[in-house]
């Protein structure tokens, strides 16, 4: 494998990663009313699942309780994040 081939493969890999990241970002933006469960919401906020449960117990945190299930709207979580910036 020559140097040219190594460079081409490296560039392809970087382009693939960037396209994948851009698509994931676009999909999140195109689904603002997406309903998420605890694990998905925790991943969206980049926090641990146990922290998500703690936050869900706060009265001002945007959670929908359906029986024992906790559900979260993506747009509500985004609004909550924006409000947290203003507090800090």
PDB file of N, CA and C in Angstrom:
ATOM      1  N   UNK A   1       0.850  -1.165   0.000  1.00  0.00           N
ATOM      2  CA  UNK A   1       0.000   0.000   0.000  1.00  0.00           C
ATOM      3  C   UNK A   1       0.899   1.232   0.000  1.00  0.00           C
ATOM      4  N   UNK A   2       0.733   2.056  -1.029  1.00  0.00           N
ATOM      5  CA  UNK A   2       1.567   3.238  -1.167  1.00  0.00           C
ATOM      6  C   UNK A   2       1.061   4.398  -0.331  1.00  0.00           C
ATOM      7  N   UNK A   3       1.868   5.428  -0.282  1.00  0.00           N
ATOM      8  CA  UNK A   3       1.534   6.627   0.478  1.00  0.00           C
ATOM      9  C   UNK A   3       0.251   7.271  -0.045  1.00  0.00           C
ATOM     10  N   UNK A   4       0.102   7.321  -1.380  1.00  0.00           N
ATOM     11  CA  UNK A   4      -1.116   7.894  -1.969  1.00  0.00           C
ATOM     12  C   UNK A   4      -2.363   7.142  -1.503  1.00  0.00           C
ATOM     13  N   UNK A   5      -2.282   5.842  -1.472  1.00  0.00           N
ATOM     14  CA  UNK A   5      -3.418   5.021  -1.047  1.00  0.00           C
ATOM     15  C   UNK A   5      -3.745   5.263   0.427  1.00  0.00           C
ATOM     16  N   UNK A   6      -2.727   5.381   1.259  1.00  0.00           N
ATOM     17  CA  UNK A   6      -2.935   5.642   2.686  1.00  0.00           C
ATOM     18  C   UNK A   6      -3.619   6.988   2.882  1.00  0.00           C
ATOM     19  N   UNK A   7      -3.180   7.994   2.139  1.00  0.00           N
ATOM     20  CA  UNK A   7      -3.770   9.331   2.235  1.00  0.00           C
ATOM     21  C   UNK A   7      -5.229   9.297   1.789  1.00  0.00           C
ATOM     22  N   UNK A   8      -5.504   8.618   0.672  1.00  0.00           N
ATOM     23  CA  UNK A   8      -6.878   8.520   0.175  1.00  0.00           C
ATOM     24  C   UNK A   8      -7.790   7.842   1.194  1.00  0.00           C
ATOM     25  N   UNK A   9      -7.324   6.752   1.782  1.00  0.00           N
ATOM     26  CA  UNK A   9      -8.124   6.034   2.777  1.00  0.00           C
ATOM     27  C   UNK A   9      -8.368   6.895   4.014  1.00  0.00           C
ATOM     28  N   UNK A  10      -7.356   7.628   4.424  1.00  0.00           N
ATOM     29  CA  UNK A  10      -7.506   8.515   5.584  1.00  0.00           C
ATOM     30  C   UNK A  10      -8.538   9.599   5.305  1.00  0.00           C
ATOM     31  N   UNK A  11      -8.476  10.182   4.122  1.00  0.00           N
ATOM     32  CA  UNK A  11      -9.431  11.225   3.741  1.00  0.00           C
ATOM     33  C   UNK A  11     -10.838  10.649   3.667  1.00  0.00           C
ATOM     34  N   UNK A  12     -10.981   9.463   3.090  1.00  0.00           N
ATOM     35  CA  UNK A  12     -12.296   8.818   3.009  1.00  0.00           C
ATOM     36  C   UNK A  12     -12.888   8.605   4.404  1.00  0.00           C
ATOM     37  N   UNK A  13     -12.061   8.141   5.322  1.00  0.00           N
ATOM     38  CA  UNK A  13     -12.534   7.887   6.684  1.00  0.00           C
ATOM     39  C   UNK A  13     -12.988   9.175   7.362  1.00  0.00           C
ATOM     40  N   UNK A  14     -12.229  10.239   7.207  1.00  0.00           N
ATOM     41  CA  UNK A  14     -12.600  11.528   7.803  1.00  0.00           C
ATOM     42  C   UNK A  14     -13.899  12.041   7.192  1.00  0.00           C
ATOM     43  N   UNK A  15     -14.031  11.936   5.882  1.00  0.00           N
ATOM     44  CA  UNK A  15     -15.245  12.392   5.202  1.00  0.00           C
ATOM     45  C   UNK A  15     -16.447  11.570   5.667  1.00  0.00           C
ATOM     46  N   UNK A  16     -16.281  10.248   5.794  1.00  0.00           N
ATOM     47  CA  UNK A  16     -17.361   9.386   6.279  1.00  0.00           C
ATOM     48  C   UNK A  16     -17.824   9.811   7.673  1.00  0.00           C
ATOM     49  N   UNK A  17     -16.858  10.061   8.558  1.00  0.00           N
ATOM     50  CA  UNK A  17     -17.191  10.472   9.926  1.00  0.00           C
ATOM     51  C   UNK A  17     -17.941  11.801   9.935  1.00  0.00           C
ATOM     52  N   UNK A  18     -17.489  12.748   9.130  1.00  0.00           N
ATOM     53  CA  UNK A  18     -18.135  14.063   9.079  1.00  0.00           C
ATOM     54  C   UNK A  18     -19.553  13.966   8.507  1.00  0.00           C
ATOM     55  N   UNK A  19     -19.724  13.157   7.481  1.00  0.00           N
ATOM     56  CA  UNK A  19     -21.059  12.971   6.900  1.00  0.00           C
ATOM     57  C   UNK A  19     -21.984  12.312   7.919  1.00  0.00           C
ATOM     58  N   UNK A  20     -21.474  11.309   8.617  1.00  0.00           N
ATOM     59  CA  UNK A  20     -22.276  10.626   9.632  1.00  0.00           C
ATOM     60  C   UNK A  20     -22.692  11.605  10.735  1.00  0.00           C
ATOM     61  N   UNK A  21     -21.781  12.431  11.199  1.00  0.00           N
ATOM     62  CA  UNK A  21     -22.093  13.418  12.241  1.00  0.00           C
ATOM     63  C   UNK A  21     -23.109  14.443  11.742  1.00  0.00           C
ATOM     64  N   UNK A  22     -22.954  14.890  10.505  1.00  0.00           N
ATOM     65  CA  UNK A  22     -23.883  15.874   9.937  1.00  0.00           C
ATOM     66  C   UNK A  22     -25.279  15.277   9.788  1.00  0.00           C
ATOM     67  N   UNK A  23     -25.362  14.028   9.347  1.00  0.00           N
ATOM     68  CA  UNK A  23     -26.664  13.367   9.212  1.00  0.00           C
ATOM     69  C   UNK A  23     -27.344  13.184  10.568  1.00  0.00           C
ATOM     70  N   UNK A  24     -26.579  12.801  11.568  1.00  0.00           N
ATOM     71  CA  UNK A  24     -27.149  12.625  12.905  1.00  0.00           C
ATOM     72  C   UNK A  24     -27.680  13.948  13.437  1.00  0.00           C
ATOM     73  N   UNK A  25     -26.927  15.005  13.222  1.00  0.00           N
ATOM     74  CA  UNK A  25     -27.357  16.338  13.657  1.00  0.00           C
ATOM     75  C   UNK A  25     -28.626  16.759  12.923  1.00  0.00           C
ATOM     76  N   UNK A  26     -28.661  16.518  11.635  1.00  0.00           N
ATOM     77  CA  UNK A  26     -29.834  16.875  10.834  1.00  0.00           C
ATOM     78  C   UNK A  26     -31.067  16.102  11.290  1.00  0.00           C
ATOM     79  N   UNK A  27     -30.900  14.823  11.576  1.00  0.00           N
ATOM     80  CA  UNK A  27     -32.032  14.007  12.016  1.00  0.00           C
ATOM     81  C   UNK A  27     -32.573  14.503  13.348  1.00  0.00           C
ATOM     82  N   UNK A  28     -31.689  14.919  14.251  1.00  0.00           N
ATOM     83  CA  UNK A  28     -32.147  15.452  15.533  1.00  0.00           C
ATOM     84  C   UNK A  28     -32.909  16.747  15.332  1.00  0.00           C
ATOM     85  N   UNK A  29     -32.421  17.600  14.441  1.00  0.00           N
ATOM     86  CA  UNK A  29     -33.060  18.885  14.203  1.00  0.00           C
ATOM     87  C   UNK A  29     -34.401  18.714  13.504  1.00  0.00           C
ATOM     88  N   UNK A  30     -34.530  17.687  12.691  1.00  0.00           N
ATOM     89  CA  UNK A  30     -35.762  17.500  11.931  1.00  0.00           C
ATOM     90  C   UNK A  30     -36.859  16.819  12.747  1.00  0.00           C
ATOM     91  N   UNK A  31     -36.550  16.403  13.969  1.00  0.00           N
ATOM     92  CA  UNK A  31     -37.540  15.732  14.810  1.00  0.00           C
ATOM     93  C   UNK A  31     -37.657  16.420  16.173  1.00  0.00           C
ATOM     94  N   UNK A  32     -38.034  17.700  16.209  1.00  0.00           N
ATOM     95  CA  UNK A  32     -38.076  18.397  17.496  1.00  0.00           C
ATOM     96  C   UNK A  32     -39.160  17.886  18.441  1.00  0.00           C
ATOM     97  N   UNK A  33     -40.206  17.261  17.921  1.00  0.00           N
ATOM     98  CA  UNK A  33     -41.272  16.732  18.772  1.00  0.00           C
ATOM     99  C   UNK A  33     -41.069  15.262  19.103  1.00  0.00           C
ATOM    100  N   UNK A  34     -39.878  14.783  18.905  1.00  0.00           N
ATOM    101  CA  UNK A  34     -39.565  13.391  19.152  1.00  0.00           C
ATOM    102  C   UNK A  34     -39.754  13.064  20.634  1.00  0.00           C
ATOM    103  N   UNK A  35     -40.415  11.947  20.903  1.00  0.00           N
ATOM    104  CA  UNK A  35     -40.619  11.483  22.272  1.00  0.00           C
ATOM    105  C   UNK A  35     -39.506  10.497  22.597  1.00  0.00           C
ATOM    106  N   UNK A  36     -38.864  10.713  23.745  1.00  0.00           N
ATOM    107  CA  UNK A  36     -37.738   9.870  24.135  1.00  0.00           C
ATOM    108  C   UNK A  36     -38.001   9.236  25.493  1.00  0.00           C
ATOM    109  N   UNK A  37     -37.447   8.070  25.669  1.00  0.00           N
ATOM    110  CA  UNK A  37     -37.462   7.406  26.969  1.00  0.00           C
ATOM    111  C   UNK A  37     -36.209   7.835  27.734  1.00  0.00           C
ATOM    112  N   UNK A  38     -36.047   7.318  28.929  1.00  0.00           N
ATOM    113  CA  UNK A  38     -34.979   7.776  29.821  1.00  0.00           C
ATOM    114  C   UNK A  38     -33.595   7.608  29.201  1.00  0.00           C
ATOM    115  N   UNK A  39     -33.288   6.437  28.682  1.00  0.00           N
ATOM    116  CA  UNK A  39     -31.945   6.198  28.139  1.00  0.00           C
ATOM    117  C   UNK A  39     -31.643   7.111  26.963  1.00  0.00           C
ATOM    118  N   UNK A  40     -32.607   7.269  26.083  1.00  0.00           N
ATOM    119  CA  UNK A  40     -32.412   8.110  24.909  1.00  0.00           C
ATOM    120  C   UNK A  40     -32.276   9.581  25.305  1.00  0.00           C
ATOM    121  N   UNK A  41     -33.086  10.015  26.269  1.00  0.00           N
ATOM    122  CA  UNK A  41     -33.009  11.400  26.741  1.00  0.00           C
ATOM    123  C   UNK A  41     -31.674  11.656  27.436  1.00  0.00           C
ATOM    124  N   UNK A  42     -31.205  10.684  28.208  1.00  0.00           N
ATOM    125  CA  UNK A  42     -29.907  10.820  28.875  1.00  0.00           C
ATOM    126  C   UNK A  42     -28.793  10.934  27.840  1.00  0.00           C
ATOM    127  N   UNK A  43     -28.857  10.133  26.802  1.00  0.00           N
ATOM    128  CA  UNK A  43     -27.855  10.213  25.734  1.00  0.00           C
ATOM    129  C   UNK A  43     -27.937  11.561  25.029  1.00  0.00           C
ATOM    130  N   UNK A  44     -29.146  12.054  24.808  1.00  0.00           N
ATOM    131  CA  UNK A  44     -29.339  13.349  24.159  1.00  0.00           C
ATOM    132  C   UNK A  44     -28.706  14.466  24.986  1.00  0.00           C
ATOM    133  N   UNK A  45     -28.861  14.394  26.313  1.00  0.00           N
ATOM    134  CA  UNK A  45     -28.291  15.408  27.198  1.00  0.00           C
ATOM    135  C   UNK A  45     -26.842  15.112  27.573  1.00  0.00           C
ATOM    136  N   UNK A  46     -26.368  13.942  27.170  1.00  0.00           N
ATOM    137  CA  UNK A  46     -24.999  13.514  27.462  1.00  0.00           C
ATOM    138  C   UNK A  46     -24.768  13.413  28.973  1.00  0.00           C
ATOM    139  N   UNK A  47     -25.711  12.779  29.654  1.00  0.00           N
ATOM    140  CA  UNK A  47     -25.601  12.558  31.091  1.00  0.00           C
ATOM    141  C   UNK A  47     -25.892  11.091  31.388  1.00  0.00           C
ATOM    142  N   UNK A  48     -25.595  10.683  32.611  1.00  0.00           N
ATOM    143  CA  UNK A  48     -25.848   9.303  33.023  1.00  0.00           C
ATOM    144  C   UNK A  48     -27.347   9.080  33.226  1.00  0.00           C
ATOM    145  N   UNK A  49     -27.766   7.851  33.052  1.00  0.00           N
ATOM    146  CA  UNK A  49     -29.179   7.500  33.215  1.00  0.00           C
ATOM    147  C   UNK A  49     -29.638   7.793  34.643  1.00  0.00           C
ATOM    148  N   UNK A  50     -28.797   7.499  35.639  1.00  0.00           N
ATOM    149  CA  UNK A  50     -29.198   7.764  37.030  1.00  0.00           C
ATOM    150  C   UNK A  50     -29.397   9.262  37.259  1.00  0.00           C
ATOM    151  N   UNK A  51     -28.594  10.103  36.609  1.00  0.00           N
ATOM    152  CA  UNK A  51     -28.768  11.558  36.716  1.00  0.00           C
ATOM    153  C   UNK A  51     -30.081  11.981  36.052  1.00  0.00           C
ATOM    154  N   UNK A  52     -30.461  11.299  34.988  1.00  0.00           N
ATOM    155  CA  UNK A  52     -31.715  11.604  34.300  1.00  0.00           C
ATOM    156  C   UNK A  52     -32.897  11.351  35.236  1.00  0.00           C
ATOM    157  N   UNK A  53     -32.840  10.252  35.983  1.00  0.00           N
ATOM    158  CA  UNK A  53     -33.901   9.962  36.950  1.00  0.00           C
ATOM    159  C   UNK A  53     -33.948  11.033  38.044  1.00  0.00           C
ATOM    160  N   UNK A  54     -32.773  11.484  38.495  1.00  0.00           N
ATOM    161  CA  UNK A  54     -32.728  12.548  39.507  1.00  0.00           C
ATOM    162  C   UNK A  54     -33.382  13.823  38.978  1.00  0.00           C
ATOM    163  N   UNK A  55     -33.027  14.201  37.758  1.00  0.00           N
ATOM    164  CA  UNK A  55     -33.604  15.406  37.162  1.00  0.00           C
ATOM    165  C   UNK A  55     -35.114  15.277  36.998  1.00  0.00           C
ATOM    166  N   UNK A  56     -35.563  14.095  36.643  1.00  0.00           N
ATOM    167  CA  UNK A  56     -36.998  13.873  36.420  1.00  0.00           C
ATOM    168  C   UNK A  56     -37.811  14.082  37.695  1.00  0.00           C
ATOM    169  N   UNK A  57     -37.171  13.989  38.847  1.00  0.00           N
ATOM    170  CA  UNK A  57     -37.870  14.202  40.115  1.00  0.00           C
ATOM    171  C   UNK A  57     -37.985  15.673  40.493  1.00  0.00           C
ATOM    172  N   UNK A  58     -37.275  16.550  39.784  1.00  0.00           N
ATOM    173  CA  UNK A  58     -37.383  17.985  40.048  1.00  0.00           C
ATOM    174  C   UNK A  58     -38.686  18.499  39.440  1.00  0.00           C
ATOM    175  N   UNK A  59     -39.411  19.328  40.186  1.00  0.00           N
ATOM    176  CA  UNK A  59     -40.722  19.780  39.696  1.00  0.00           C
ATOM    177  C   UNK A  59     -40.676  20.617  38.419  1.00  0.00           C
ATOM    178  N   UNK A  60     -39.570  21.308  38.154  1.00  0.00           N
ATOM    179  CA  UNK A  60     -39.511  22.165  36.965  1.00  0.00           C
ATOM    180  C   UNK A  60     -38.888  21.471  35.752  1.00  0.00           C
ATOM    181  N   UNK A  61     -38.515  20.218  35.905  1.00  0.00           N
ATOM    182  CA  UNK A  61     -37.905  19.491  34.788  1.00  0.00           C
ATOM    183  C   UNK A  61     -39.005  18.962  33.874  1.00  0.00           C
ATOM    184  N   UNK A  62     -38.835  19.109  32.550  1.00  0.00           N
ATOM    185  CA  UNK A  62     -39.892  18.715  31.600  1.00  0.00           C
ATOM    186  C   UNK A  62     -39.988  17.204  31.381  1.00  0.00           C
ATOM    187  N   UNK A  63     -40.839  16.576  32.142  1.00  0.00           N
ATOM    188  CA  UNK A  63     -41.026  15.131  32.030  1.00  0.00           C
ATOM    189  C   UNK A  63     -42.519  14.837  31.906  1.00  0.00           C
ATOM    190  N   UNK A  64     -42.829  13.822  31.136  1.00  0.00           N
ATOM    191  CA  UNK A  64     -44.209  13.349  31.005  1.00  0.00           C
ATOM    192  C   UNK A  64     -44.261  11.993  31.693  1.00  0.00           C
ATOM    193  N   UNK A  65     -45.125  11.890  32.670  1.00  0.00           N
ATOM    194  CA  UNK A  65     -45.265  10.621  33.394  1.00  0.00           C
ATOM    195  C   UNK A  65     -46.489   9.891  32.854  1.00  0.00           C
ATOM    196  N   UNK A  66     -46.232   8.702  32.357  1.00  0.00           N
ATOM    197  CA  UNK A  66     -47.313   7.863  31.834  1.00  0.00           C
ATOM    198  C   UNK A  66     -47.266   6.556  32.610  1.00  0.00           C
ATOM    199  N   UNK A  67     -48.026   6.524  33.700  1.00  0.00           N
ATOM    200  CA  UNK A  67     -47.918   5.375  34.592  1.00  0.00           C
ATOM    201  C   UNK A  67     -46.540   5.385  35.229  1.00  0.00           C
ATOM    202  N   UNK A  68     -45.822   4.305  35.060  1.00  0.00           N
ATOM    203  CA  UNK A  68     -44.457   4.224  35.588  1.00  0.00           C
ATOM    204  C   UNK A  68     -43.417   4.704  34.581  1.00  0.00           C
ATOM    205  N   UNK A  69     -43.851   4.939  33.359  1.00  0.00           N
ATOM    206  CA  UNK A  69     -42.924   5.370  32.304  1.00  0.00           C
ATOM    207  C   UNK A  69     -42.633   6.856  32.406  1.00  0.00           C
ATOM    208  N   UNK A  70     -41.390   7.215  32.134  1.00  0.00           N
ATOM    209  CA  UNK A  70     -40.995   8.616  32.025  1.00  0.00           C
ATOM    210  C   UNK A  70     -40.696   8.894  30.562  1.00  0.00           C
ATOM    211  N   UNK A  71     -41.334   9.912  30.021  1.00  0.00           N
ATOM    212  CA  UNK A  71     -41.141  10.286  28.627  1.00  0.00           C
ATOM    213  C   UNK A  71     -40.704  11.743  28.559  1.00  0.00           C
ATOM    214  N   UNK A  72     -39.935  12.062  27.520  1.00  0.00           N
ATOM    215  CA  UNK A  72     -39.398  13.406  27.362  1.00  0.00           C
ATOM    216  C   UNK A  72     -39.551  13.841  25.914  1.00  0.00           C
ATOM    217  N   UNK A  73     -39.975  15.086  25.704  1.00  0.00           N
ATOM    218  CA  UNK A  73     -40.014  15.647  24.355  1.00  0.00           C
ATOM    219  C   UNK A  73     -38.690  16.349  24.092  1.00  0.00           C
ATOM    220  N   UNK A  74     -38.122  16.089  22.931  1.00  0.00           N
ATOM    221  CA  UNK A  74     -36.837  16.685  22.588  1.00  0.00           C
ATOM    222  C   UNK A  74     -36.893  18.209  22.671  1.00  0.00           C
ATOM    223  N   UNK A  75     -37.963  18.808  22.154  1.00  0.00           N
ATOM    224  CA  UNK A  75     -38.062  20.274  22.162  1.00  0.00           C
ATOM    225  C   UNK A  75     -38.111  20.811  23.587  1.00  0.00           C
ATOM    226  N   UNK A  76     -38.750  20.074  24.502  1.00  0.00           N
ATOM    227  CA  UNK A  76     -38.802  20.505  25.901  1.00  0.00           C
ATOM    228  C   UNK A  76     -37.429  20.420  26.559  1.00  0.00           C
ATOM    229  N   UNK A  77     -36.682  19.373  26.240  1.00  0.00           N
ATOM    230  CA  UNK A  77     -35.330  19.241  26.791  1.00  0.00           C
ATOM    231  C   UNK A  77     -34.422  20.347  26.265  1.00  0.00           C
ATOM    232  N   UNK A  78     -34.566  20.676  24.980  1.00  0.00           N
ATOM    233  CA  UNK A  78     -33.767  21.764  24.407  1.00  0.00           C
ATOM    234  C   UNK A  78     -34.105  23.093  25.075  1.00  0.00           C
ATOM    235  N   UNK A  79     -35.389  23.346  25.318  1.00  0.00           N
ATOM    236  CA  UNK A  79     -35.810  24.581  25.985  1.00  0.00           C
ATOM    237  C   UNK A  79     -35.279  24.620  27.417  1.00  0.00           C
ATOM    238  N   UNK A  80     -35.307  23.480  28.093  1.00  0.00           N
ATOM    239  CA  UNK A  80     -34.785  23.403  29.456  1.00  0.00           C
ATOM    240  C   UNK A  80     -33.293  23.712  29.474  1.00  0.00           C
ATOM    241  N   UNK A  81     -32.559  23.167  28.503  1.00  0.00           N
ATOM    242  CA  UNK A  81     -31.119  23.449  28.415  1.00  0.00           C
ATOM    243  C   UNK A  81     -30.868  24.939  28.226  1.00  0.00           C
ATOM    244  N   UNK A  82     -31.622  25.565  27.357  1.00  0.00           N
ATOM    245  CA  UNK A  82     -31.474  27.008  27.126  1.00  0.00           C
ATOM    246  C   UNK A  82     -31.748  27.788  28.408  1.00  0.00           C
ATOM    247  N   UNK A  83     -32.763  27.386  29.149  1.00  0.00           N
ATOM    248  CA  UNK A  83     -33.094  28.062  30.406  1.00  0.00           C
ATOM    249  C   UNK A  83     -31.969  27.895  31.425  1.00  0.00           C
ATOM    250  N   UNK A  84     -31.289  26.748  31.385  1.00  0.00           N
ATOM    251  CA  UNK A  84     -30.185  26.520  32.320  1.00  0.00           C
ATOM    252  C   UNK A  84     -29.010  27.437  32.016  1.00  0.00           C
ATOM    253  N   UNK A  85     -28.806  27.758  30.750  1.00  0.00           N
ATOM    254  CA  UNK A  85     -27.735  28.692  30.373  1.00  0.00           C
ATOM    255  C   UNK A  85     -27.990  30.054  30.997  1.00  0.00           C
ATOM    256  N   UNK A  86     -29.254  30.475  30.997  1.00  0.00           N
ATOM    257  CA  UNK A  86     -29.612  31.787  31.534  1.00  0.00           C
ATOM    258  C   UNK A  86     -29.429  31.835  33.044  1.00  0.00           C
ATOM    259  N   UNK A  87     -29.655  30.719  33.721  1.00  0.00           N
ATOM    260  CA  UNK A  87     -29.513  30.666  35.173  1.00  0.00           C
ATOM    261  C   UNK A  87     -28.052  30.806  35.568  1.00  0.00           C
ATOM    262  N   UNK A  88     -27.183  30.184  34.793  1.00  0.00           N
ATOM    263  CA  UNK A  88     -25.747  30.202  35.101  1.00  0.00           C
ATOM    264  C   UNK A  88     -25.176  31.473  34.642  1.00  0.00           C
TER     265      UNK A  88
END
